[in-house]
Amino acid sequence: MSTYLEQAKTVAGFVETLSREHPKAAEGFLTLHKSSAGDSALTGRQKELIALGISIAIRCEGCISCHVKAALKAGATQEEIVETIGVSILMGGGPSVVYGEKAYQAMKEMM
């Protein structure tokens, strides 16, 4: 397995590939992403923590890598990420324990 940071870069790289190969799909995804990110009623940090929680619950490793990276960049603390993992376990049950560990390892790698 590659590192979580490499995995996040791979996802970003594929979005670039998709931009060339299927520009409308990439444009739609990037427009949605940009319109949902950033500060408004919720801060960008809060939104990234929510996205991380959902990533764990739906068991998406690439999403975990990207949202741990973005949460840290947005100023999330270890305590906030660990608490997000806890909420994800509440909502996702046993499989979220497994993917919560992946989010924890990604956070430790990227800090």
C-alpha atoms as a PDB file:
ATOM      1  CA  MET A   1       0.000   0.000   0.000  1.00  0.00           C
ATOM      2  CA  SER A   2       1.169   3.525  -0.706  1.00  0.00           C
ATOM      3  CA  THR A   3       1.210   6.128   2.023  1.00  0.00           C
ATOM      4  CA  TYR A   4      -1.965   8.065   2.726  1.00  0.00           C
ATOM      5  CA  LEU A   5      -0.326  11.220   1.407  1.00  0.00           C
ATOM      6  CA  GLU A   6       0.527   9.417  -1.852  1.00  0.00           C
ATOM      7  CA  GLN A   7      -3.026   8.125  -1.998  1.00  0.00           C
ATOM      8  CA  ALA A   8      -4.388  11.688  -1.679  1.00  0.00           C
ATOM      9  CA  LYS A   9      -2.058  12.789  -4.486  1.00  0.00           C
ATOM     10  CA  THR A  10      -3.249   9.870  -6.635  1.00  0.00           C
ATOM     11  CA  VAL A  11      -6.866  10.934  -6.207  1.00  0.00           C
ATOM     12  CA  ALA A  12      -5.990  14.527  -7.142  1.00  0.00           C
ATOM     13  CA  GLY A  13      -4.043  13.244 -10.122  1.00  0.00           C
ATOM     14  CA  PHE A  14      -7.011  11.239 -11.315  1.00  0.00           C
ATOM     15  CA  VAL A  15      -9.229  14.320 -11.095  1.00  0.00           C
ATOM     16  CA  GLU A  16      -6.733  15.995 -13.452  1.00  0.00           C
ATOM     17  CA  THR A  17      -6.922  12.993 -15.798  1.00  0.00           C
ATOM     18  CA  LEU A  18     -10.711  13.075 -15.634  1.00  0.00           C
ATOM     19  CA  SER A  19     -10.588  16.801 -16.461  1.00  0.00           C
ATOM     20  CA  ARG A  20      -8.894  15.915 -19.746  1.00  0.00           C
ATOM     21  CA  GLU A  21     -10.793  12.702 -20.519  1.00  0.00           C
ATOM     22  CA  HIS A  22     -14.294  13.656 -19.334  1.00  0.00           C
ATOM     23  CA  PRO A  23     -14.234  17.395 -18.671  1.00  0.00           C
ATOM     24  CA  LYS A  24     -17.960  17.760 -17.964  1.00  0.00           C
ATOM     25  CA  ALA A  25     -17.889  15.136 -15.205  1.00  0.00           C
ATOM     26  CA  ALA A  26     -14.775  16.661 -13.649  1.00  0.00           C
ATOM     27  CA  GLU A  27     -16.199  20.165 -13.932  1.00  0.00           C
ATOM     28  CA  GLY A  28     -19.404  19.086 -12.206  1.00  0.00           C
ATOM     29  CA  PHE A  29     -17.506  17.422  -9.383  1.00  0.00           C
ATOM     30  CA  LEU A  30     -15.117  20.359  -8.929  1.00  0.00           C
ATOM     31  CA  THR A  31     -17.959  22.897  -9.029  1.00  0.00           C
ATOM     32  CA  LEU A  32     -19.838  20.965  -6.354  1.00  0.00           C
ATOM     33  CA  HIS A  33     -16.667  20.605  -4.297  1.00  0.00           C
ATOM     34  CA  LYS A  34     -15.829  24.320  -4.473  1.00  0.00           C
ATOM     35  CA  SER A  35     -19.394  25.401  -3.718  1.00  0.00           C
ATOM     36  CA  SER A  36     -19.526  23.123  -0.665  1.00  0.00           C
ATOM     37  CA  ALA A  37     -16.086  23.949   0.746  1.00  0.00           C
ATOM     38  CA  GLY A  38     -14.917  27.043   2.549  1.00  0.00           C
ATOM     39  CA  ASP A  39     -16.415  29.087   5.311  1.00  0.00           C
ATOM     40  CA  SER A  40     -20.091  29.960   5.446  1.00  0.00           C
ATOM     41  CA  ALA A  41     -22.545  28.833   8.130  1.00  0.00           C
ATOM     42  CA  LEU A  42     -20.015  26.079   8.884  1.00  0.00           C
ATOM     43  CA  THR A  43     -16.286  26.656   8.749  1.00  0.00           C
ATOM     44  CA  GLY A  44     -14.180  24.877   6.167  1.00  0.00           C
ATOM     45  CA  ARG A  45     -12.594  22.928   9.042  1.00  0.00           C
ATOM     46  CA  GLN A  46     -15.994  21.740  10.268  1.00  0.00           C
ATOM     47  CA  LYS A  47     -16.993  20.716   6.745  1.00  0.00           C
ATOM     48  CA  GLU A  48     -13.789  18.707   6.306  1.00  0.00           C
ATOM     49  CA  LEU A  49     -14.403  16.918   9.598  1.00  0.00           C
ATOM     50  CA  ILE A  50     -17.936  16.074   8.464  1.00  0.00           C
ATOM     51  CA  ALA A  51     -16.575  14.828   5.131  1.00  0.00           C
ATOM     52  CA  LEU A  52     -13.999  12.729   6.991  1.00  0.00           C
ATOM     53  CA  GLY A  53     -16.723  11.194   9.160  1.00  0.00           C
ATOM     54  CA  ILE A  54     -18.750  10.288   6.097  1.00  0.00           C
ATOM     55  CA  SER A  55     -15.617   8.908   4.402  1.00  0.00           C
ATOM     56  CA  ILE A  56     -15.059   6.562   7.325  1.00  0.00           C
ATOM     57  CA  ALA A  57     -18.709   5.489   7.495  1.00  0.00           C
ATOM     58  CA  ILE A  58     -18.878   4.710   3.753  1.00  0.00           C
ATOM     59  CA  ARG A  59     -15.433   3.040   3.850  1.00  0.00           C
ATOM     60  CA  CYS A  60     -13.656   5.098   1.201  1.00  0.00           C
ATOM     61  CA  GLU A  61      -9.886   5.041   1.754  1.00  0.00           C
ATOM     62  CA  GLY A  62      -9.143   7.603  -0.948  1.00  0.00           C
ATOM     63  CA  CYS A  63     -11.717   9.939   0.588  1.00  0.00           C
ATOM     64  CA  ILE A  64     -10.190   9.422   4.035  1.00  0.00           C
ATOM     65  CA  SER A  65      -6.760  10.377   2.716  1.00  0.00           C
ATOM     66  CA  CYS A  66      -8.043  13.501   0.988  1.00  0.00           C
ATOM     67  CA  HIS A  67     -10.231  14.685   3.868  1.00  0.00           C
ATOM     68  CA  VAL A  68      -7.623  14.059   6.584  1.00  0.00           C
ATOM     69  CA  LYS A  69      -5.198  16.123   4.512  1.00  0.00           C
ATOM     70  CA  ALA A  70      -7.769  18.888   3.964  1.00  0.00           C
ATOM     71  CA  ALA A  71      -8.901  18.864   7.613  1.00  0.00           C
ATOM     72  CA  LEU A  72      -5.318  19.271   8.815  1.00  0.00           C
ATOM     73  CA  LYS A  73      -4.737  22.037   6.278  1.00  0.00           C
ATOM     74  CA  ALA A  74      -7.909  23.746   7.541  1.00  0.00           C
ATOM     75  CA  GLY A  75      -6.512  23.656  11.097  1.00  0.00           C
ATOM     76  CA  ALA A  76      -8.181  20.564  12.552  1.00  0.00           C
ATOM     77  CA  THR A  77      -6.476  19.202  15.638  1.00  0.00           C
ATOM     78  CA  GLN A  78      -5.693  15.605  16.500  1.00  0.00           C
ATOM     79  CA  GLU A  79      -8.408  15.762  19.155  1.00  0.00           C
ATOM     80  CA  GLU A  80     -11.000  16.928  16.617  1.00  0.00           C
ATOM     81  CA  ILE A  81     -10.056  14.217  14.144  1.00  0.00           C
ATOM     82  CA  VAL A  82     -10.106  11.508  16.825  1.00  0.00           C
ATOM     83  CA  GLU A  83     -13.530  12.713  17.995  1.00  0.00           C
ATOM     84  CA  THR A  84     -14.736  12.650  14.374  1.00  0.00           C
ATOM     85  CA  ILE A  85     -13.528   9.037  14.181  1.00  0.00           C
ATOM     86  CA  GLY A  86     -15.576   8.300  17.313  1.00  0.00           C
ATOM     87  CA  VAL A  87     -18.750   9.780  15.849  1.00  0.00           C
ATOM     88  CA  SER A  88     -18.141   7.818  12.647  1.00  0.00           C
ATOM     89  CA  ILE A  89     -17.930   4.606  14.656  1.00  0.00           C
ATOM     90  CA  LEU A  90     -21.227   5.480  16.338  1.00  0.00           C
ATOM     91  CA  MET A  91     -22.877   5.931  12.935  1.00  0.00           C
ATOM     92  CA  GLY A  92     -21.074   3.203  10.986  1.00  0.00           C
ATOM     93  CA  GLY A  93     -20.625   0.413  13.534  1.00  0.00           C
ATOM     94  CA  GLY A  94     -17.809  -2.128  13.465  1.00  0.00           C
ATOM     95  CA  PRO A  95     -16.592  -1.422   9.921  1.00  0.00           C
ATOM     96  CA  SER A  96     -16.057   2.198  10.937  1.00  0.00           C
ATOM     97  CA  VAL A  97     -13.628   1.001  13.612  1.00  0.00           C
ATOM     98  CA  VAL A  98     -11.520  -0.524  10.835  1.00  0.00           C
ATOM     99  CA  TYR A  99     -11.716   2.575   8.637  1.00  0.00           C
ATOM    100  CA  GLY A 100     -11.386   4.872  11.634  1.00  0.00           C
ATOM    101  CA  GLU A 101      -7.983   3.294  12.207  1.00  0.00           C
ATOM    102  CA  LYS A 102      -7.078   4.145   8.626  1.00  0.00           C
ATOM    103  CA  ALA A 103      -8.071   7.786   9.234  1.00  0.00           C
ATOM    104  CA  TYR A 104      -6.017   7.811  12.438  1.00  0.00           C
ATOM    105  CA  GLN A 105      -2.947   6.436  10.625  1.00  0.00           C
ATOM    106  CA  ALA A 106      -3.430   8.959   7.806  1.00  0.00           C
ATOM    107  CA  MET A 107      -3.572  11.786  10.357  1.00  0.00           C
ATOM    108  CA  LYS A 108      -0.431  10.588  12.151  1.00  0.00           C
ATOM    109  CA  GLU A 109       1.407  10.245   8.832  1.00  0.00           C
ATOM    110  CA  MET A 110       0.465  13.748   7.692  1.00  0.00           C
ATOM    111  CA  MET A 111       0.983  15.666  10.935  1.00  0.00           C
END
